[in-house]
Amino acid sequence: IALLPKDPNDDKNIYLEIRPAAGGDESGLFGAELLKMYLAYAQK
């Protein structure tokens, strides 16, 4: 795995966007859960 060719972008920072899809309030609540998950994952 370590000797596989590296993607030139691998060491760059990212912007993550979360937008709810069709589904109204339920979709927005799911987006809030995704936000919590990604924030916790990034910190971990």
Full PDB file with SEQRES, HELIX, SHEET, SSBOND, CRYST1, ORIGX, SCALE, CONECT and MASTER records, all heavy atoms in Angstrom:
SEQRES   1 A   44  ILE ALA LEU LEU PRO LYS ASP PRO ASN ASP ASP LYS ASN          
SEQRES   2 A   44  ILE TYR LEU GLU ILE ARG PRO ALA ALA GLY GLY ASP GLU          
SEQRES   3 A   44  SER GLY LEU PHE GLY ALA GLU LEU LEU LYS MET TYR LEU          
SEQRES   4 A   44  ALA TYR ALA GLN LYS                                          
HELIX    1 AA1 ASP A   25  GLN A   43  1                                  19    
CRYST1    1.000    1.000    1.000  90.00  90.00  90.00 P 1           1          
ORIGX1      1.000000  0.000000  0.000000        0.00000                         
ORIGX2      0.000000  1.000000  0.000000        0.00000                         
ORIGX3      0.000000  0.000000  1.000000        0.00000                         
SCALE1      1.000000  0.000000  0.000000        0.00000                         
SCALE2      0.000000  1.000000  0.000000        0.00000                         
SCALE3      0.000000  0.000000  1.000000        0.00000                         
ATOM      1  N   ILE A   1       0.834  -1.205   0.000  1.00  0.00           N  
ATOM      2  CA  ILE A   1       0.000   0.000   0.000  1.00  0.00           C  
ATOM      3  C   ILE A   1       0.869   1.255   0.000  1.00  0.00           C  
ATOM      4  O   ILE A   1       0.607   2.211  -0.731  1.00  0.00           O  
ATOM      5  CB  ILE A   1      -0.955  -0.018   1.208  1.00  0.00           C  
ATOM      6  CG1 ILE A   1      -1.976  -1.136   1.029  1.00  0.00           C  
ATOM      7  CG2 ILE A   1      -1.643   1.324   1.386  1.00  0.00           C  
ATOM      8  CD1 ILE A   1      -2.798  -1.446   2.242  1.00  0.00           C  
ATOM      9  N   ALA A   2       1.930   1.264   0.802  1.00  0.00           N  
ATOM     10  CA  ALA A   2       2.791   2.448   0.913  1.00  0.00           C  
ATOM     11  C   ALA A   2       3.533   2.749  -0.386  1.00  0.00           C  
ATOM     12  O   ALA A   2       3.841   3.908  -0.666  1.00  0.00           O  
ATOM     13  CB  ALA A   2       3.786   2.261   2.049  1.00  0.00           C  
ATOM     14  N   LEU A   3       3.817   1.727  -1.186  1.00  0.00           N  
ATOM     15  CA  LEU A   3       4.576   1.938  -2.416  1.00  0.00           C  
ATOM     16  C   LEU A   3       3.698   2.261  -3.625  1.00  0.00           C  
ATOM     17  O   LEU A   3       4.222   2.518  -4.705  1.00  0.00           O  
ATOM     18  CB  LEU A   3       5.434   0.701  -2.717  1.00  0.00           C  
ATOM     19  CG  LEU A   3       6.559   0.441  -1.721  1.00  0.00           C  
ATOM     20  CD1 LEU A   3       7.278  -0.856  -2.054  1.00  0.00           C  
ATOM     21  CD2 LEU A   3       7.543   1.598  -1.685  1.00  0.00           C  
ATOM     22  N   LEU A   4       2.378   2.268  -3.433  1.00  0.00           N  
ATOM     23  CA  LEU A   4       1.498   2.676  -4.528  1.00  0.00           C  
ATOM     24  C   LEU A   4       1.765   4.139  -4.870  1.00  0.00           C  
ATOM     25  O   LEU A   4       2.079   4.937  -3.996  1.00  0.00           O  
ATOM     26  CB  LEU A   4       0.031   2.510  -4.123  1.00  0.00           C  
ATOM     27  CG  LEU A   4      -0.495   1.092  -4.025  1.00  0.00           C  
ATOM     28  CD1 LEU A   4      -1.906   1.104  -3.453  1.00  0.00           C  
ATOM     29  CD2 LEU A   4      -0.480   0.396  -5.369  1.00  0.00           C  
ATOM     30  N   PRO A   5       1.598   4.504  -6.144  1.00  0.00           N  
ATOM     31  CA  PRO A   5       1.807   5.909  -6.510  1.00  0.00           C  
ATOM     32  C   PRO A   5       0.831   6.810  -5.758  1.00  0.00           C  
ATOM     33  O   PRO A   5      -0.334   6.475  -5.586  1.00  0.00           O  
ATOM     34  CB  PRO A   5       1.520   5.941  -8.017  1.00  0.00           C  
ATOM     35  CG  PRO A   5       1.567   4.529  -8.464  1.00  0.00           C  
ATOM     36  CD  PRO A   5       1.271   3.675  -7.283  1.00  0.00           C  
ATOM     37  N   LYS A   6       1.335   7.946  -5.321  1.00  0.00           N  
ATOM     38  CA  LYS A   6       0.530   8.890  -4.552  1.00  0.00           C  
ATOM     39  C   LYS A   6      -0.218   9.833  -5.476  1.00  0.00           C  
ATOM     40  O   LYS A   6       0.276  10.226  -6.518  1.00  0.00           O  
ATOM     41  CB  LYS A   6       1.426   9.722  -3.626  1.00  0.00           C  
ATOM     42  CG  LYS A   6       2.269   8.912  -2.667  1.00  0.00           C  
ATOM     43  CD  LYS A   6       1.450   8.362  -1.540  1.00  0.00           C  
ATOM     44  CE  LYS A   6       2.334   7.711  -0.511  1.00  0.00           C  
ATOM     45  NZ  LYS A   6       2.033   6.353  -0.251  1.00  0.00           N  
ATOM     46  N   ASP A   7      -1.418  10.196  -5.071  1.00  0.00           N  
ATOM     47  CA  ASP A   7      -2.191  11.223  -5.758  1.00  0.00           C  
ATOM     48  C   ASP A   7      -1.544  12.564  -5.402  1.00  0.00           C  
ATOM     49  O   ASP A   7      -1.281  12.828  -4.229  1.00  0.00           O  
ATOM     50  CB  ASP A   7      -3.642  11.174  -5.267  1.00  0.00           C  
ATOM     51  CG  ASP A   7      -4.564  12.127  -5.997  1.00  0.00           C  
ATOM     52  OD1 ASP A   7      -4.071  13.144  -6.521  1.00  0.00           O  
ATOM     53  OD2 ASP A   7      -5.770  11.862  -6.032  1.00  0.00           O  
ATOM     54  N   PRO A   8      -1.267  13.431  -6.360  1.00  0.00           N  
ATOM     55  CA  PRO A   8      -0.614  14.702  -6.043  1.00  0.00           C  
ATOM     56  C   PRO A   8      -1.437  15.603  -5.129  1.00  0.00           C  
ATOM     57  O   PRO A   8      -0.905  16.508  -4.502  1.00  0.00           O  
ATOM     58  CB  PRO A   8      -0.388  15.365  -7.402  1.00  0.00           C  
ATOM     59  CG  PRO A   8      -1.169  14.587  -8.384  1.00  0.00           C  
ATOM     60  CD  PRO A   8      -1.502  13.262  -7.784  1.00  0.00           C  
ATOM     61  N   ASN A   9      -2.728  15.351  -5.021  1.00  0.00           N  
ATOM     62  CA  ASN A   9      -3.586  16.174  -4.178  1.00  0.00           C  
ATOM     63  C   ASN A   9      -3.739  15.625  -2.760  1.00  0.00           C  
ATOM     64  O   ASN A   9      -4.405  16.248  -1.934  1.00  0.00           O  
ATOM     65  CB  ASN A   9      -4.982  16.306  -4.805  1.00  0.00           C  
ATOM     66  CG  ASN A   9      -4.945  17.045  -6.109  1.00  0.00           C  
ATOM     67  OD1 ASN A   9      -4.212  18.012  -6.260  1.00  0.00           O  
ATOM     68  ND2 ASN A   9      -5.713  16.583  -7.074  1.00  0.00           N  
ATOM     69  N   ASP A  10      -3.183  14.476  -2.466  1.00  0.00           N  
ATOM     70  CA  ASP A  10      -3.411  13.808  -1.178  1.00  0.00           C  
ATOM     71  C   ASP A  10      -3.072  14.659   0.037  1.00  0.00           C  
ATOM     72  O   ASP A  10      -3.692  14.510   1.081  1.00  0.00           O  
ATOM     73  CB  ASP A  10      -2.627  12.500  -1.100  1.00  0.00           C  
ATOM     74  CG  ASP A  10      -3.354  11.352  -1.774  1.00  0.00           C  
ATOM     75  OD1 ASP A  10      -4.529  11.535  -2.161  1.00  0.00           O  
ATOM     76  OD2 ASP A  10      -2.749  10.278  -1.915  1.00  0.00           O  
ATOM     77  N   ASP A  11      -2.120  15.542  -0.068  1.00  0.00           N  
ATOM     78  CA  ASP A  11      -1.709  16.321   1.108  1.00  0.00           C  
ATOM     79  C   ASP A  11      -2.414  17.678   1.203  1.00  0.00           C  
ATOM     80  O   ASP A  11      -2.077  18.493   2.046  1.00  0.00           O  
ATOM     81  CB  ASP A  11      -0.193  16.515   1.118  1.00  0.00           C  
ATOM     82  CG  ASP A  11       0.309  17.273  -0.094  1.00  0.00           C  
ATOM     83  OD1 ASP A  11      -0.414  17.334  -1.090  1.00  0.00           O  
ATOM     84  OD2 ASP A  11       1.433  17.804  -0.026  1.00  0.00           O  
ATOM     85  N   LYS A  12      -3.425  17.898   0.379  1.00  0.00           N  
ATOM     86  CA  LYS A  12      -4.121  19.192   0.384  1.00  0.00           C  
ATOM     87  C   LYS A  12      -5.289  19.194   1.361  1.00  0.00           C  
ATOM     88  O   LYS A  12      -5.808  18.159   1.738  1.00  0.00           O  
ATOM     89  CB  LYS A  12      -4.611  19.516  -1.023  1.00  0.00           C  
ATOM     90  CG  LYS A  12      -3.436  19.649  -1.979  1.00  0.00           C  
ATOM     91  CD  LYS A  12      -3.789  20.367  -3.206  1.00  0.00           C  
ATOM     92  CE  LYS A  12      -2.486  20.569  -3.961  1.00  0.00           C  
ATOM     93  NZ  LYS A  12      -2.618  21.002  -5.251  1.00  0.00           N  
ATOM     94  N   ASN A  13      -5.684  20.405   1.760  1.00  0.00           N  
ATOM     95  CA  ASN A  13      -6.853  20.595   2.609  1.00  0.00           C  
ATOM     96  C   ASN A  13      -8.110  20.546   1.745  1.00  0.00           C  
ATOM     97  O   ASN A  13      -8.031  20.656   0.529  1.00  0.00           O  
ATOM     98  CB  ASN A  13      -6.767  21.944   3.325  1.00  0.00           C  
ATOM     99  CG  ASN A  13      -5.553  22.027   4.211  1.00  0.00           C  
ATOM    100  OD1 ASN A  13      -5.090  21.038   4.750  1.00  0.00           O  
ATOM    101  ND2 ASN A  13      -5.018  23.222   4.377  1.00  0.00           N  
ATOM    102  N   ILE A  14      -9.279  20.428   2.394  1.00  0.00           N  
ATOM    103  CA  ILE A  14     -10.521  20.342   1.633  1.00  0.00           C  
ATOM    104  C   ILE A  14     -11.586  21.268   2.204  1.00  0.00           C  
ATOM    105  O   ILE A  14     -11.482  21.723   3.344  1.00  0.00           O  
ATOM    106  CB  ILE A  14     -11.091  18.910   1.608  1.00  0.00           C  
ATOM    107  CG1 ILE A  14     -11.510  18.477   3.017  1.00  0.00           C  
ATOM    108  CG2 ILE A  14     -10.124  17.939   0.992  1.00  0.00           C  
ATOM    109  CD1 ILE A  14     -12.464  17.313   3.023  1.00  0.00           C  
ATOM    110  N   TYR A  15     -12.590  21.522   1.391  1.00  0.00           N  
ATOM    111  CA  TYR A  15     -13.824  22.164   1.828  1.00  0.00           C  
ATOM    112  C   TYR A  15     -14.927  21.132   1.662  1.00  0.00           C  
ATOM    113  O   TYR A  15     -15.094  20.556   0.584  1.00  0.00           O  
ATOM    114  CB  TYR A  15     -14.143  23.411   0.991  1.00  0.00           C  
ATOM    115  CG  TYR A  15     -13.289  24.596   1.353  1.00  0.00           C  
ATOM    116  CD1 TYR A  15     -12.113  24.871   0.661  1.00  0.00           C  
ATOM    117  CD2 TYR A  15     -13.655  25.426   2.400  1.00  0.00           C  
ATOM    118  CE1 TYR A  15     -11.329  25.950   1.003  1.00  0.00           C  
ATOM    119  CE2 TYR A  15     -12.869  26.516   2.745  1.00  0.00           C  
ATOM    120  CZ  TYR A  15     -11.703  26.763   2.047  1.00  0.00           C  
ATOM    121  OH  TYR A  15     -10.926  27.836   2.390  1.00  0.00           O  
ATOM    122  N   LEU A  16     -15.670  20.908   2.728  1.00  0.00           N  
ATOM    123  CA  LEU A  16     -16.766  19.957   2.727  1.00  0.00           C  
ATOM    124  C   LEU A  16     -18.075  20.725   2.761  1.00  0.00           C  
ATOM    125  O   LEU A  16     -18.252  21.592   3.606  1.00  0.00           O  
ATOM    126  CB  LEU A  16     -16.654  19.050   3.965  1.00  0.00           C  
ATOM    127  CG  LEU A  16     -17.800  18.110   4.261  1.00  0.00           C  
ATOM    128  CD1 LEU A  16     -17.792  16.959   3.270  1.00  0.00           C  
ATOM    129  CD2 LEU A  16     -17.668  17.582   5.677  1.00  0.00           C  
ATOM    130  N   GLU A  17     -18.976  20.424   1.820  1.00  0.00           N  
ATOM    131  CA  GLU A  17     -20.290  21.060   1.787  1.00  0.00           C  
ATOM    132  C   GLU A  17     -21.354  20.014   2.070  1.00  0.00           C  
ATOM    133  O   GLU A  17     -21.279  18.901   1.553  1.00  0.00           O  
ATOM    134  CB  GLU A  17     -20.580  21.670   0.416  1.00  0.00           C  
ATOM    135  CG  GLU A  17     -19.782  22.888   0.095  1.00  0.00           C  
ATOM    136  CD  GLU A  17     -20.209  23.519  -1.230  1.00  0.00           C  
ATOM    137  OE1 GLU A  17     -21.249  23.116  -1.804  1.00  0.00           O  
ATOM    138  OE2 GLU A  17     -19.487  24.408  -1.692  1.00  0.00           O  
ATOM    139  N   ILE A  18     -22.316  20.396   2.891  1.00  0.00           N  
ATOM    140  CA  ILE A  18     -23.460  19.525   3.141  1.00  0.00           C  
ATOM    141  C   ILE A  18     -24.708  20.335   2.822  1.00  0.00           C  
ATOM    142  O   ILE A  18     -24.922  21.408   3.378  1.00  0.00           O  
ATOM    143  CB  ILE A  18     -23.501  19.027   4.598  1.00  0.00           C  
ATOM    144  CG1 ILE A  18     -22.239  18.207   4.903  1.00  0.00           C  
ATOM    145  CG2 ILE A  18     -24.765  18.217   4.862  1.00  0.00           C  
ATOM    146  CD1 ILE A  18     -22.125  17.744   6.332  1.00  0.00           C  
ATOM    147  N   ARG A  19     -25.510  19.782   1.919  1.00  0.00           N  
ATOM    148  CA  ARG A  19     -26.777  20.397   1.521  1.00  0.00           C  
ATOM    149  C   ARG A  19     -27.831  19.300   1.552  1.00  0.00           C  
ATOM    150  O   ARG A  19     -27.613  18.226   1.005  1.00  0.00           O  
ATOM    151  CB  ARG A  19     -26.705  20.951   0.100  1.00  0.00           C  
ATOM    152  CG  ARG A  19     -25.680  22.026  -0.096  1.00  0.00           C  
ATOM    153  CD  ARG A  19     -25.571  22.346  -1.595  1.00  0.00           C  
ATOM    154  NE  ARG A  19     -24.448  23.208  -1.851  1.00  0.00           N  
ATOM    155  CZ  ARG A  19     -24.565  24.517  -2.104  1.00  0.00           C  
ATOM    156  NH1 ARG A  19     -25.748  25.070  -2.138  1.00  0.00           N  
ATOM    157  NH2 ARG A  19     -23.499  25.239  -2.328  1.00  0.00           N  
ATOM    158  N   PRO A  20     -28.973  19.579   2.140  1.00  0.00           N  
ATOM    159  CA  PRO A  20     -30.018  18.546   2.147  1.00  0.00           C  
ATOM    160  C   PRO A  20     -30.619  18.374   0.757  1.00  0.00           C  
ATOM    161  O   PRO A  20     -30.723  19.312  -0.007  1.00  0.00           O  
ATOM    162  CB  PRO A  20     -31.043  19.075   3.139  1.00  0.00           C  
ATOM    163  CG  PRO A  20     -30.822  20.532   3.182  1.00  0.00           C  
ATOM    164  CD  PRO A  20     -29.363  20.759   2.886  1.00  0.00           C  
ATOM    165  N   ALA A  21     -31.013  17.162   0.467  1.00  0.00           N  
ATOM    166  CA  ALA A  21     -31.665  16.872  -0.809  1.00  0.00           C  
ATOM    167  C   ALA A  21     -33.172  16.908  -0.598  1.00  0.00           C  
ATOM    168  O   ALA A  21     -33.646  17.447   0.393  1.00  0.00           O  
ATOM    169  CB  ALA A  21     -31.217  15.499  -1.298  1.00  0.00           C  
ATOM    170  N   ALA A  22     -33.899  16.303  -1.502  1.00  0.00           N  
ATOM    171  CA  ALA A  22     -35.355  16.247  -1.358  1.00  0.00           C  
ATOM    172  C   ALA A  22     -35.688  15.490  -0.081  1.00  0.00           C  
ATOM    173  O   ALA A  22     -35.024  14.528   0.288  1.00  0.00           O  
ATOM    174  CB  ALA A  22     -35.969  15.544  -2.559  1.00  0.00           C  
ATOM    175  N   GLY A  23     -36.672  15.945   0.622  1.00  0.00           N  
ATOM    176  CA  GLY A  23     -37.048  15.272   1.856  1.00  0.00           C  
ATOM    177  C   GLY A  23     -37.399  16.243   2.954  1.00  0.00           C  
ATOM    178  O   GLY A  23     -37.727  15.851   4.064  1.00  0.00           O  
ATOM    179  N   GLY A  24     -37.246  17.512   2.683  1.00  0.00           N  
ATOM    180  CA  GLY A  24     -37.653  18.531   3.633  1.00  0.00           C  
ATOM    181  C   GLY A  24     -36.867  18.515   4.926  1.00  0.00           C  
ATOM    182  O   GLY A  24     -35.634  18.410   4.927  1.00  0.00           O  
ATOM    183  N   ASP A  25     -37.623  18.634   6.050  1.00  0.00           N  
ATOM    184  CA  ASP A  25     -36.978  18.734   7.361  1.00  0.00           C  
ATOM    185  C   ASP A  25     -36.186  17.480   7.721  1.00  0.00           C  
ATOM    186  O   ASP A  25     -35.132  17.571   8.346  1.00  0.00           O  
ATOM    187  CB  ASP A  25     -38.032  19.008   8.444  1.00  0.00           C  
ATOM    188  CG  ASP A  25     -38.611  20.410   8.332  1.00  0.00           C  
ATOM    189  OD1 ASP A  25     -37.938  21.277   7.731  1.00  0.00           O  
ATOM    190  OD2 ASP A  25     -39.725  20.630   8.848  1.00  0.00           O  
ATOM    191  N   GLU A  26     -36.666  16.326   7.328  1.00  0.00           N  
ATOM    192  CA  GLU A  26     -35.956  15.071   7.620  1.00  0.00           C  
ATOM    193  C   GLU A  26     -34.574  15.079   6.959  1.00  0.00           C  
ATOM    194  O   GLU A  26     -33.589  14.651   7.544  1.00  0.00           O  
ATOM    195  CB  GLU A  26     -36.760  13.871   7.123  1.00  0.00           C  
ATOM    196  CG  GLU A  26     -38.006  13.583   7.905  1.00  0.00           C  
ATOM    197  CD  GLU A  26     -37.715  13.149   9.337  1.00  0.00           C  
ATOM    198  OE1 GLU A  26     -36.724  12.441   9.564  1.00  0.00           O  
ATOM    199  OE2 GLU A  26     -38.486  13.548  10.222  1.00  0.00           O  
ATOM    200  N   SER A  27     -34.517  15.565   5.763  1.00  0.00           N  
ATOM    201  CA  SER A  27     -33.253  15.645   5.037  1.00  0.00           C  
ATOM    202  C   SER A  27     -32.293  16.607   5.728  1.00  0.00           C  
ATOM    203  O   SER A  27     -31.098  16.345   5.844  1.00  0.00           O  
ATOM    204  CB  SER A  27     -33.518  16.092   3.601  1.00  0.00           C  
ATOM    205  OG  SER A  27     -32.321  16.163   2.882  1.00  0.00           O  
ATOM    206  N   GLY A  28     -32.818  17.726   6.217  1.00  0.00           N  
ATOM    207  CA  GLY A  28     -31.994  18.693   6.941  1.00  0.00           C  
ATOM    208  C   GLY A  28     -31.476  18.133   8.254  1.00  0.00           C  
ATOM    209  O   GLY A  28     -30.332  18.383   8.646  1.00  0.00           O  
ATOM    210  N   LEU A  29     -32.308  17.353   8.953  1.00  0.00           N  
ATOM    211  CA  LEU A  29     -31.876  16.712  10.205  1.00  0.00           C  
ATOM    212  C   LEU A  29     -30.783  15.670   9.934  1.00  0.00           C  
ATOM    213  O   LEU A  29     -29.826  15.543  10.696  1.00  0.00           O  
ATOM    214  CB  LEU A  29     -33.068  16.069  10.917  1.00  0.00           C  
ATOM    215  CG  LEU A  29     -34.082  17.052  11.499  1.00  0.00           C  
ATOM    216  CD1 LEU A  29     -35.319  16.313  11.984  1.00  0.00           C  
ATOM    217  CD2 LEU A  29     -33.460  17.860  12.619  1.00  0.00           C  
ATOM    218  N   PHE A  30     -30.943  14.937   8.831  1.00  0.00           N  
ATOM    219  CA  PHE A  30     -29.906  13.981   8.451  1.00  0.00           C  
ATOM    220  C   PHE A  30     -28.598  14.709   8.132  1.00  0.00           C  
ATOM    221  O   PHE A  30     -27.507  14.262   8.500  1.00  0.00           O  
ATOM    222  CB  PHE A  30     -30.357  13.138   7.258  1.00  0.00           C  
ATOM    223  CG  PHE A  30     -29.329  12.137   6.823  1.00  0.00           C  
ATOM    224  CD1 PHE A  30     -29.024  11.040   7.604  1.00  0.00           C  
ATOM    225  CD2 PHE A  30     -28.649  12.302   5.615  1.00  0.00           C  
ATOM    226  CE1 PHE A  30     -28.061  10.122   7.201  1.00  0.00           C  
ATOM    227  CE2 PHE A  30     -27.684  11.388   5.211  1.00  0.00           C  
ATOM    228  CZ  PHE A  30     -27.395  10.292   6.004  1.00  0.00           C  
ATOM    229  N   GLY A  31     -28.697  15.856   7.452  1.00  0.00           N  
ATOM    230  CA  GLY A  31     -27.513  16.670   7.162  1.00  0.00           C  
ATOM    231  C   GLY A  31     -26.821  17.123   8.438  1.00  0.00           C  
ATOM    232  O   GLY A  31     -25.584  17.158   8.510  1.00  0.00           O  
ATOM    233  N   ALA A  32     -27.597  17.460   9.485  1.00  0.00           N  
ATOM    234  CA  ALA A  32     -27.014  17.859  10.769  1.00  0.00           C  
ATOM    235  C   ALA A  32     -26.256  16.693  11.397  1.00  0.00           C  
ATOM    236  O   ALA A  32     -25.177  16.877  11.976  1.00  0.00           O  
ATOM    237  CB  ALA A  32     -28.101  18.364  11.716  1.00  0.00           C  
ATOM    238  N   GLU A  33     -26.796  15.482  11.270  1.00  0.00           N  
ATOM    239  CA  GLU A  33     -26.111  14.291  11.789  1.00  0.00           C  
ATOM    240  C   GLU A  33     -24.814  14.030  11.016  1.00  0.00           C  
ATOM    241  O   GLU A  33     -23.791  13.662  11.590  1.00  0.00           O  
ATOM    242  CB  GLU A  33     -27.029  13.064  11.730  1.00  0.00           C  
ATOM    243  CG  GLU A  33     -28.206  13.123  12.670  1.00  0.00           C  
ATOM    244  CD  GLU A  33     -27.790  13.202  14.130  1.00  0.00           C  
ATOM    245  OE1 GLU A  33     -26.876  12.464  14.541  1.00  0.00           O  
ATOM    246  OE2 GLU A  33     -28.373  14.027  14.859  1.00  0.00           O  
ATOM    247  N   LEU A  34     -24.880  14.219   9.698  1.00  0.00           N  
ATOM    248  CA  LEU A  34     -23.666  14.075   8.886  1.00  0.00           C  
ATOM    249  C   LEU A  34     -22.599  15.074   9.317  1.00  0.00           C  
ATOM    250  O   LEU A  34     -21.408  14.733   9.410  1.00  0.00           O  
ATOM    251  CB  LEU A  34     -23.976  14.284   7.402  1.00  0.00           C  
ATOM    252  CG  LEU A  34     -24.583  13.126   6.647  1.00  0.00           C  
ATOM    253  CD1 LEU A  34     -24.905  13.556   5.214  1.00  0.00           C  
ATOM    254  CD2 LEU A  34     -23.685  11.928   6.644  1.00  0.00           C  
ATOM    255  N   LEU A  35     -23.009  16.297   9.568  1.00  0.00           N  
ATOM    256  CA  LEU A  35     -22.078  17.335  10.005  1.00  0.00           C  
ATOM    257  C   LEU A  35     -21.390  16.913  11.299  1.00  0.00           C  
ATOM    258  O   LEU A  35     -20.161  16.987  11.404  1.00  0.00           O  
ATOM    259  CB  LEU A  35     -22.793  18.665  10.178  1.00  0.00           C  
ATOM    260  CG  LEU A  35     -21.952  19.809  10.746  1.00  0.00           C  
ATOM    261  CD1 LEU A  35     -20.804  20.143   9.807  1.00  0.00           C  
ATOM    262  CD2 LEU A  35     -22.818  21.026  10.998  1.00  0.00           C  
ATOM    263  N   LYS A  36     -22.167  16.455  12.271  1.00  0.00           N  
ATOM    264  CA  LYS A  36     -21.582  16.001  13.546  1.00  0.00           C  
ATOM    265  C   LYS A  36     -20.596  14.859  13.316  1.00  0.00           C  
ATOM    266  O   LYS A  36     -19.518  14.825  13.900  1.00  0.00           O  
ATOM    267  CB  LYS A  36     -22.690  15.533  14.501  1.00  0.00           C  
ATOM    268  CG  LYS A  36     -23.540  16.628  15.063  1.00  0.00           C  
ATOM    269  CD  LYS A  36     -24.615  16.022  15.969  1.00  0.00           C  
ATOM    270  CE  LYS A  36     -25.716  17.000  16.252  1.00  0.00           C  
ATOM    271  NZ  LYS A  36     -26.835  16.362  16.971  1.00  0.00           N  
ATOM    272  N   MET A  37     -20.989  13.927  12.448  1.00  0.00           N  
ATOM    273  CA  MET A  37     -20.135  12.778  12.171  1.00  0.00           C  
ATOM    274  C   MET A  37     -18.807  13.207  11.544  1.00  0.00           C  
ATOM    275  O   MET A  37     -17.733  12.785  11.977  1.00  0.00           O  
ATOM    276  CB  MET A  37     -20.850  11.805  11.244  1.00  0.00           C  
ATOM    277  CG  MET A  37     -20.016  10.573  10.912  1.00  0.00           C  
ATOM    278  SD  MET A  37     -20.583   9.668   9.473  1.00  0.00           S  
ATOM    279  CE  MET A  37     -20.252  10.818   8.160  1.00  0.00           C  
ATOM    280  N   TYR A  38     -18.862  14.074  10.523  1.00  0.00           N  
ATOM    281  CA  TYR A  38     -17.634  14.501   9.853  1.00  0.00           C  
ATOM    282  C   TYR A  38     -16.744  15.339  10.777  1.00  0.00           C  
ATOM    283  O   TYR A  38     -15.518  15.224  10.731  1.00  0.00           O  
ATOM    284  CB  TYR A  38     -17.944  15.268   8.565  1.00  0.00           C  
ATOM    285  CG  TYR A  38     -18.296  14.359   7.413  1.00  0.00           C  
ATOM    286  CD1 TYR A  38     -19.505  14.475   6.756  1.00  0.00           C  
ATOM    287  CD2 TYR A  38     -17.415  13.381   6.981  1.00  0.00           C  
ATOM    288  CE1 TYR A  38     -19.832  13.645   5.697  1.00  0.00           C  
ATOM    289  CE2 TYR A  38     -17.725  12.545   5.933  1.00  0.00           C  
ATOM    290  CZ  TYR A  38     -18.932  12.678   5.288  1.00  0.00           C  
ATOM    291  OH  TYR A  38     -19.245  11.847   4.246  1.00  0.00           O  
ATOM    292  N   LEU A  39     -17.339  16.182  11.604  1.00  0.00           N  
ATOM    293  CA  LEU A  39     -16.548  16.967  12.551  1.00  0.00           C  
ATOM    294  C   LEU A  39     -15.844  16.054  13.551  1.00  0.00           C  
ATOM    295  O   LEU A  39     -14.654  16.230  13.841  1.00  0.00           O  
ATOM    296  CB  LEU A  39     -17.427  17.984  13.284  1.00  0.00           C  
ATOM    297  CG  LEU A  39     -17.995  19.136  12.451  1.00  0.00           C  
ATOM    298  CD1 LEU A  39     -18.941  19.983  13.290  1.00  0.00           C  
ATOM    299  CD2 LEU A  39     -16.895  19.981  11.856  1.00  0.00           C  
ATOM    300  N   ALA A  40     -16.566  15.060  14.074  1.00  0.00           N  
ATOM    301  CA  ALA A  40     -15.966  14.119  15.031  1.00  0.00           C  
ATOM    302  C   ALA A  40     -14.871  13.286  14.364  1.00  0.00           C  
ATOM    303  O   ALA A  40     -13.803  13.063  14.947  1.00  0.00           O  
ATOM    304  CB  ALA A  40     -17.044  13.209  15.618  1.00  0.00           C  
ATOM    305  N   TYR A  41     -15.122  12.844  13.132  1.00  0.00           N  
ATOM    306  CA  TYR A  41     -14.136  12.042  12.403  1.00  0.00           C  
ATOM    307  C   TYR A  41     -12.859  12.845  12.160  1.00  0.00           C  
ATOM    308  O   TYR A  41     -11.751  12.344  12.376  1.00  0.00           O  
ATOM    309  CB  TYR A  41     -14.722  11.566  11.077  1.00  0.00           C  
ATOM    310  CG  TYR A  41     -13.757  10.783  10.225  1.00  0.00           C  
ATOM    311  CD1 TYR A  41     -13.358   9.511  10.581  1.00  0.00           C  
ATOM    312  CD2 TYR A  41     -13.227  11.338   9.058  1.00  0.00           C  
ATOM    313  CE1 TYR A  41     -12.462   8.797   9.792  1.00  0.00           C  
ATOM    314  CE2 TYR A  41     -12.341  10.638   8.266  1.00  0.00           C  
ATOM    315  CZ  TYR A  41     -11.969   9.364   8.643  1.00  0.00           C  
ATOM    316  OH  TYR A  41     -11.068   8.670   7.874  1.00  0.00           O  
ATOM    317  N   ALA A  42     -13.016  14.074  11.715  1.00  0.00           N  
ATOM    318  CA  ALA A  42     -11.850  14.921  11.444  1.00  0.00           C  
ATOM    319  C   ALA A  42     -11.028  15.127  12.718  1.00  0.00           C  
ATOM    320  O   ALA A  42      -9.797  15.039  12.694  1.00  0.00           O  
ATOM    321  CB  ALA A  42     -12.281  16.257  10.857  1.00  0.00           C  
ATOM    322  N   GLN A  43     -11.697  15.391  13.832  1.00  0.00           N  
ATOM    323  CA  GLN A  43     -10.976  15.600  15.088  1.00  0.00           C  
ATOM    324  C   GLN A  43     -10.312  14.316  15.552  1.00  0.00           C  
ATOM    325  O   GLN A  43      -9.179  14.334  16.037  1.00  0.00           O  
ATOM    326  CB  GLN A  43     -11.920  16.139  16.159  1.00  0.00           C  
ATOM    327  CG  GLN A  43     -12.317  17.570  15.893  1.00  0.00           C  
ATOM    328  CD  GLN A  43     -13.386  18.083  16.846  1.00  0.00           C  
ATOM    329  OE1 GLN A  43     -14.102  17.309  17.455  1.00  0.00           O  
ATOM    330  NE2 GLN A  43     -13.471  19.396  16.957  1.00  0.00           N  
ATOM    331  N   LYS A  44     -10.995  13.195  15.402  1.00  0.00           N  
ATOM    332  CA  LYS A  44     -10.425  11.905  15.816  1.00  0.00           C  
ATOM    333  C   LYS A  44      -9.167  11.574  15.008  1.00  0.00           C  
ATOM    334  O   LYS A  44      -8.214  11.006  15.532  1.00  0.00           O  
ATOM    335  CB  LYS A  44     -11.462  10.796  15.641  1.00  0.00           C  
ATOM    336  CG  LYS A  44     -10.972   9.442  16.083  1.00  0.00           C  
ATOM    337  CD  LYS A  44     -12.020   8.379  15.889  1.00  0.00           C  
ATOM    338  CE  LYS A  44     -11.450   7.032  16.306  1.00  0.00           C  
ATOM    339  NZ  LYS A  44     -12.345   5.948  15.988  1.00  0.00           N  
TER     340      LYS A  44                                                      
MASTER        0    0    0    1    0    0    0    6  339    1    0    4          
END                                                                             
